[in-house]
Amino acid sequence: MLYHHEPIWLGDEVAGYVTSGSYGHSLGAAVGLGYVHMSLLPDFPELPGEFEIEVAGVRVPTEASIRPMYDPGGKRVRD
């Protein structure tokens, strides 16, 4: 479970921190919002896939996205 201020790792460097987190019932998993230092992302807007979030001292692989992960096209609202 994510709350806030968990470190976001990119390889062996702390790339940023989670600013808020909770359980995403639509996704069926924890969801966190955070910031990553742009100097570590030379290929922006393509995000590298090696992000990890440290939760209770354990690094957990994560999926990063700059787009909404649920209903990005707003189709549920229109149906």
C-alpha atoms as a PDB file:
ATOM      1  CA  MET A   1       0.000   0.000   0.000  1.00  0.00           C
ATOM      2  CA  LEU A   2       1.298   3.435  -0.911  1.00  0.00           C
ATOM      3  CA  TYR A   3       0.763   6.503   1.251  1.00  0.00           C
ATOM      4  CA  HIS A   4       3.271   9.259   0.445  1.00  0.00           C
ATOM      5  CA  HIS A   5       6.984  10.064   0.318  1.00  0.00           C
ATOM      6  CA  GLU A   6       8.083   6.556  -0.754  1.00  0.00           C
ATOM      7  CA  PRO A   7      11.278   6.807  -2.856  1.00  0.00           C
ATOM      8  CA  ILE A   8      11.043   6.100  -6.578  1.00  0.00           C
ATOM      9  CA  TRP A   9      14.169   4.300  -7.784  1.00  0.00           C
ATOM     10  CA  LEU A  10      15.612   4.281 -11.295  1.00  0.00           C
ATOM     11  CA  GLY A  11      18.479   1.791 -11.214  1.00  0.00           C
ATOM     12  CA  ASP A  12      20.691   2.676  -8.255  1.00  0.00           C
ATOM     13  CA  GLU A  13      19.497   6.282  -7.937  1.00  0.00           C
ATOM     14  CA  VAL A  14      16.524   7.774  -6.134  1.00  0.00           C
ATOM     15  CA  ALA A  15      14.764   9.446  -9.062  1.00  0.00           C
ATOM     16  CA  GLY A  16      11.911  11.037  -7.086  1.00  0.00           C
ATOM     17  CA  TYR A  17       9.208  10.477  -4.488  1.00  0.00           C
ATOM     18  CA  VAL A  18       5.573   9.420  -4.323  1.00  0.00           C
ATOM     19  CA  THR A  19       3.447  12.416  -3.325  1.00  0.00           C
ATOM     20  CA  SER A  20       0.214  10.506  -2.688  1.00  0.00           C
ATOM     21  CA  GLY A  21      -1.058   6.978  -2.958  1.00  0.00           C
ATOM     22  CA  SER A  22      -4.012   4.744  -2.289  1.00  0.00           C
ATOM     23  CA  TYR A  23      -5.709   1.609  -3.567  1.00  0.00           C
ATOM     24  CA  GLY A  24      -7.173   1.912  -7.077  1.00  0.00           C
ATOM     25  CA  HIS A  25     -10.328  -0.194  -7.070  1.00  0.00           C
ATOM     26  CA  SER A  26     -10.768   0.222 -10.843  1.00  0.00           C
ATOM     27  CA  LEU A  27      -7.252  -1.097 -11.455  1.00  0.00           C
ATOM     28  CA  GLY A  28      -7.177  -3.640  -8.645  1.00  0.00           C
ATOM     29  CA  ALA A  29      -3.804  -2.432  -7.382  1.00  0.00           C
ATOM     30  CA  ALA A  30      -2.077   0.356  -5.488  1.00  0.00           C
ATOM     31  CA  VAL A  31      -1.831   3.664  -7.349  1.00  0.00           C
ATOM     32  CA  GLY A  32       0.639   6.404  -6.559  1.00  0.00           C
ATOM     33  CA  LEU A  33       1.310   9.858  -7.928  1.00  0.00           C
ATOM     34  CA  GLY A  34       4.824  11.165  -7.753  1.00  0.00           C
ATOM     35  CA  TYR A  35       7.548  13.281  -9.258  1.00  0.00           C
ATOM     36  CA  VAL A  36      10.683  12.083 -11.036  1.00  0.00           C
ATOM     37  CA  HIS A  37      13.698  14.322 -11.728  1.00  0.00           C
ATOM     38  CA  MET A  38      13.707  15.160 -15.444  1.00  0.00           C
ATOM     39  CA  SER A  39      17.521  15.086 -15.598  1.00  0.00           C
ATOM     40  CA  LEU A  40      17.278  11.285 -15.221  1.00  0.00           C
ATOM     41  CA  LEU A  41      14.886  10.915 -18.176  1.00  0.00           C
ATOM     42  CA  PRO A  42      16.789  11.777 -21.368  1.00  0.00           C
ATOM     43  CA  ASP A  43      14.191  10.174 -23.691  1.00  0.00           C
ATOM     44  CA  PHE A  44      11.104  11.976 -22.356  1.00  0.00           C
ATOM     45  CA  PRO A  45       8.195  11.420 -23.110  1.00  0.00           C
ATOM     46  CA  GLU A  46       9.170   7.737 -23.374  1.00  0.00           C
ATOM     47  CA  LEU A  47       9.514   6.526 -19.787  1.00  0.00           C
ATOM     48  CA  PRO A  48      12.015   3.803 -18.938  1.00  0.00           C
ATOM     49  CA  GLY A  49      10.525   0.576 -17.607  1.00  0.00           C
ATOM     50  CA  GLU A  50      12.900   0.060 -14.699  1.00  0.00           C
ATOM     51  CA  PHE A  51      11.176   2.166 -12.037  1.00  0.00           C
ATOM     52  CA  GLU A  52      10.772   0.692  -8.566  1.00  0.00           C
ATOM     53  CA  ILE A  53       9.034   2.123  -5.506  1.00  0.00           C
ATOM     54  CA  GLU A  54      10.433   1.329  -2.090  1.00  0.00           C
ATOM     55  CA  VAL A  55       7.615   0.168   0.195  1.00  0.00           C
ATOM     56  CA  ALA A  56       8.508  -0.752   3.791  1.00  0.00           C
ATOM     57  CA  GLY A  57      12.160  -1.185   2.821  1.00  0.00           C
ATOM     58  CA  VAL A  58      11.445  -3.439  -0.193  1.00  0.00           C
ATOM     59  CA  ARG A  59      11.759  -2.260  -3.801  1.00  0.00           C
ATOM     60  CA  VAL A  60       8.663  -3.151  -5.819  1.00  0.00           C
ATOM     61  CA  PRO A  61       8.704  -3.009  -9.663  1.00  0.00           C
ATOM     62  CA  THR A  62       6.154  -0.532 -10.952  1.00  0.00           C
ATOM     63  CA  GLU A  63       4.562   0.657 -14.177  1.00  0.00           C
ATOM     64  CA  ALA A  64       4.972   4.370 -14.841  1.00  0.00           C
ATOM     65  CA  SER A  65       2.610   6.345 -17.052  1.00  0.00           C
ATOM     66  CA  ILE A  66       2.223   9.955 -18.080  1.00  0.00           C
ATOM     67  CA  ARG A  67      -1.334   9.181 -19.230  1.00  0.00           C
ATOM     68  CA  PRO A  68      -4.337   8.006 -17.219  1.00  0.00           C
ATOM     69  CA  MET A  69      -4.196   4.245 -16.645  1.00  0.00           C
ATOM     70  CA  TYR A  70      -7.953   3.813 -16.569  1.00  0.00           C
ATOM     71  CA  ASP A  71     -10.323   4.877 -19.346  1.00  0.00           C
ATOM     72  CA  PRO A  72      -7.866   7.309 -20.961  1.00  0.00           C
ATOM     73  CA  GLY A  73     -10.283   8.009 -23.816  1.00  0.00           C
ATOM     74  CA  GLY A  74     -13.201   8.838 -21.508  1.00  0.00           C
ATOM     75  CA  LYS A  75     -15.346   6.105 -23.141  1.00  0.00           C
ATOM     76  CA  ARG A  76     -17.094   5.120 -19.910  1.00  0.00           C
ATOM     77  CA  VAL A  77     -18.411   8.645 -19.497  1.00  0.00           C
ATOM     78  CA  ARG A  78     -19.712   8.771 -23.063  1.00  0.00           C
ATOM     79  CA  ASP A  79     -21.429   5.348 -23.056  1.00  0.00           C
END
